[in-house]
Structure formats: structure tokens, C-alpha cells
């Protein structure tokens, strides 16, 4: 994110939600907590995300300095994604969101369908 855009936010929460509040951003970050993943692996974890949406979310996270994208010069192209040090600072937040969701499943009387 560029400095001029960051200056337009009125409070830290607004800035934070701009960085991690995309439709699949928090889910992407959650899957990258302990893993370096290829694009296809991320797509398998998030089957509802269209390729266009997933690519957009990954590009935004990379532009904001939250994830690393490493491309290998092979055929077919190989791209891996991992958390940056800044991205790793979000781990407690992402885990707290997951814990809250688990509790909400329980509140609703539903099993947690997550495989992680």
C-alpha cells in the first residue's frame, strides 16, 4: 500500500480491514500460517473463490507486504506464496478469528467443517 492511500484512512481499524478484509484474504492468510503454498493448493483450499478473485486477493496481499510471491523459471510456471515477517505479525489475529468462528459454530449447534 502506498503512503498516500494509507493517509486516507480515519483510524487503524479501517486501515487493518482494508489490508485483511477482502473476501478471501483472512482465509488465505490462515492457510499460509504454517505453509508455503502454490497457487493451485490455495485454490483447492478455497474452492468457492474464482481464479480472478483469488489472483486479485493474492496480488493485494503481496502489494501490502503481507505475503511473498516467489516465481520459479520453469515450464509450467511455478509460483509459491508465504507470509512475510509483517504477515506473520497477523497470526494471532487470524487465529483469534478462527477461534471465534469455531465458537460460533458451537453456538449454532453445528460441527466445525474445517479440515485444518
Protein backbone atom coordinates (compact mmCIF):
# COMPACT_ATOMS: atom_id res chain seq x y z
CA UNK A 1 0.00 0.00 0.00
CA UNK A 2 1.35 3.40 -0.79
CA UNK A 3 1.71 6.09 1.82
CA UNK A 4 -0.82 8.42 0.19
CA UNK A 5 -3.55 5.74 0.29
CA UNK A 6 -2.74 4.93 3.92
CA UNK A 7 -3.19 8.61 4.81
CA UNK A 8 -6.83 8.47 3.65
CA UNK A 9 -7.94 6.13 6.45
CA UNK A 10 -9.60 7.65 9.51
CA UNK A 11 -8.48 5.06 12.07
CA UNK A 12 -6.27 1.98 12.48
CA UNK A 13 -9.25 -0.41 12.26
CA UNK A 14 -10.19 1.00 8.86
CA UNK A 15 -6.63 0.50 7.61
CA UNK A 16 -6.41 -3.02 9.05
CA UNK A 17 -9.70 -4.08 7.50
CA UNK A 18 -8.56 -2.70 4.15
CA UNK A 19 -5.49 -4.94 4.33
CA UNK A 20 -7.09 -8.19 5.61
CA UNK A 21 -10.80 -7.61 4.99
CA UNK A 22 -11.09 -8.86 1.41
CA UNK A 23 -13.49 -11.69 0.69
CA UNK A 24 -10.82 -14.41 0.99
CA UNK A 25 -7.79 -12.60 2.41
CA UNK A 26 -8.09 -13.85 6.01
CA UNK A 27 -8.70 -17.40 4.76
CA UNK A 28 -5.62 -17.21 2.52
CA UNK A 29 -3.54 -15.95 5.44
CA UNK A 30 -4.88 -18.70 7.70
CA UNK A 31 -3.78 -21.38 5.23
CA UNK A 32 -0.33 -19.78 4.94
CA UNK A 33 0.32 -19.69 8.70
CA UNK A 34 2.37 -22.89 8.71
CA UNK A 35 2.76 -23.41 4.99
CA UNK A 36 4.30 -22.21 1.77
CA UNK A 37 1.68 -22.97 -0.85
CA UNK A 38 1.39 -22.93 -4.61
CA UNK A 39 -1.50 -21.15 -6.30
CA UNK A 40 -3.31 -24.42 -7.11
CA UNK A 41 -3.01 -25.58 -3.50
CA UNK A 42 -4.56 -22.33 -2.26
CA UNK A 43 -7.34 -22.69 -4.82
CA UNK A 44 -8.09 -26.23 -3.56
CA UNK A 45 -8.42 -24.88 -0.01
CA UNK A 46 -10.81 -22.14 -1.21
CA UNK A 47 -12.91 -23.77 -3.95
CA UNK A 48 -15.57 -21.03 -3.89
CA UNK A 49 -13.01 -18.41 -4.97
CA UNK A 50 -12.94 -17.80 -8.69
CA UNK A 51 -9.45 -17.72 -10.25
CA UNK A 52 -9.86 -13.98 -10.92
CA UNK A 53 -10.90 -13.24 -7.32
CA UNK A 54 -8.15 -15.40 -5.83
CA UNK A 55 -5.49 -13.79 -8.05
CA UNK A 56 -6.74 -10.33 -7.09
CA UNK A 57 -6.67 -11.10 -3.36
CA UNK A 58 -3.14 -12.56 -3.62
CA UNK A 59 -1.90 -9.52 -5.56
CA UNK A 60 -3.37 -7.14 -2.97
CA UNK A 61 -1.81 -9.06 -0.07
CA UNK A 62 1.54 -9.01 -1.88
CA UNK A 63 1.25 -5.28 -2.65
CA UNK A 64 0.52 -4.59 1.03
CA UNK A 65 3.65 -6.52 2.08
CA UNK A 66 1.72 -9.32 3.81
CA UNK A 67 2.74 -12.24 1.60
CA UNK A 68 5.75 -13.17 -0.51
CA UNK A 69 5.33 -14.46 -4.04
CA UNK A 70 8.23 -16.49 -5.38
CA UNK A 71 8.22 -17.43 -9.04
CA UNK A 72 10.40 -20.20 -10.42
CA UNK A 73 11.52 -20.02 -14.08
CA UNK A 74 10.26 -23.47 -15.07
CA UNK A 75 7.69 -24.78 -17.50
CA UNK A 76 4.92 -24.82 -16.47
CA UNK A 77 5.46 -21.77 -14.25
CA UNK A 78 5.66 -22.47 -10.51
CA UNK A 79 4.65 -19.80 -8.01
CA UNK A 80 4.78 -20.16 -4.23
CA UNK A 81 3.21 -17.95 -1.58
CA UNK A 82 4.28 -17.49 2.04
CA UNK A 83 3.85 -14.96 4.84
CA UNK A 84 6.30 -12.09 5.17
CA UNK A 85 7.51 -11.02 8.61
CA UNK A 86 4.77 -8.38 8.55
CA UNK A 87 2.26 -11.08 7.56
CA UNK A 88 3.43 -13.26 10.44
CA UNK A 89 2.54 -10.44 12.83
CA UNK A 90 -1.11 -11.07 11.83
CA UNK A 91 -1.04 -14.72 13.00
CA UNK A 92 -2.57 -14.02 16.46
CA UNK A 93 -5.35 -12.01 14.82
CA UNK A 94 -6.09 -14.67 12.22
CA UNK A 95 -6.05 -17.40 14.87
CA UNK A 96 -8.40 -15.33 17.05
CA UNK A 97 -10.81 -15.01 14.12
CA UNK A 98 -10.67 -18.79 13.59
CA UNK A 99 -11.29 -19.44 17.29
CA UNK A 100 -14.27 -17.09 17.27
CA UNK A 101 -15.69 -18.87 14.22
CA UNK A 102 -15.25 -22.25 15.92
CA UNK A 103 -17.14 -20.95 18.93
CA UNK A 104 -19.88 -19.59 16.69
CA UNK A 105 -20.28 -22.99 15.01
CA UNK A 106 -20.74 -24.42 18.52
CA UNK A 107 -23.22 -21.67 19.41
CA UNK A 108 -25.21 -22.58 16.30
CA UNK A 109 -25.04 -26.28 17.21
CA UNK A 110 -23.06 -27.12 14.07
CA UNK A 111 -19.86 -29.15 13.74
CA UNK A 112 -16.78 -27.29 12.57
CA UNK A 113 -16.37 -28.44 8.95
CA UNK A 114 -12.79 -27.25 8.68
CA UNK A 115 -10.13 -29.83 7.93
CA UNK A 116 -7.16 -27.86 9.25
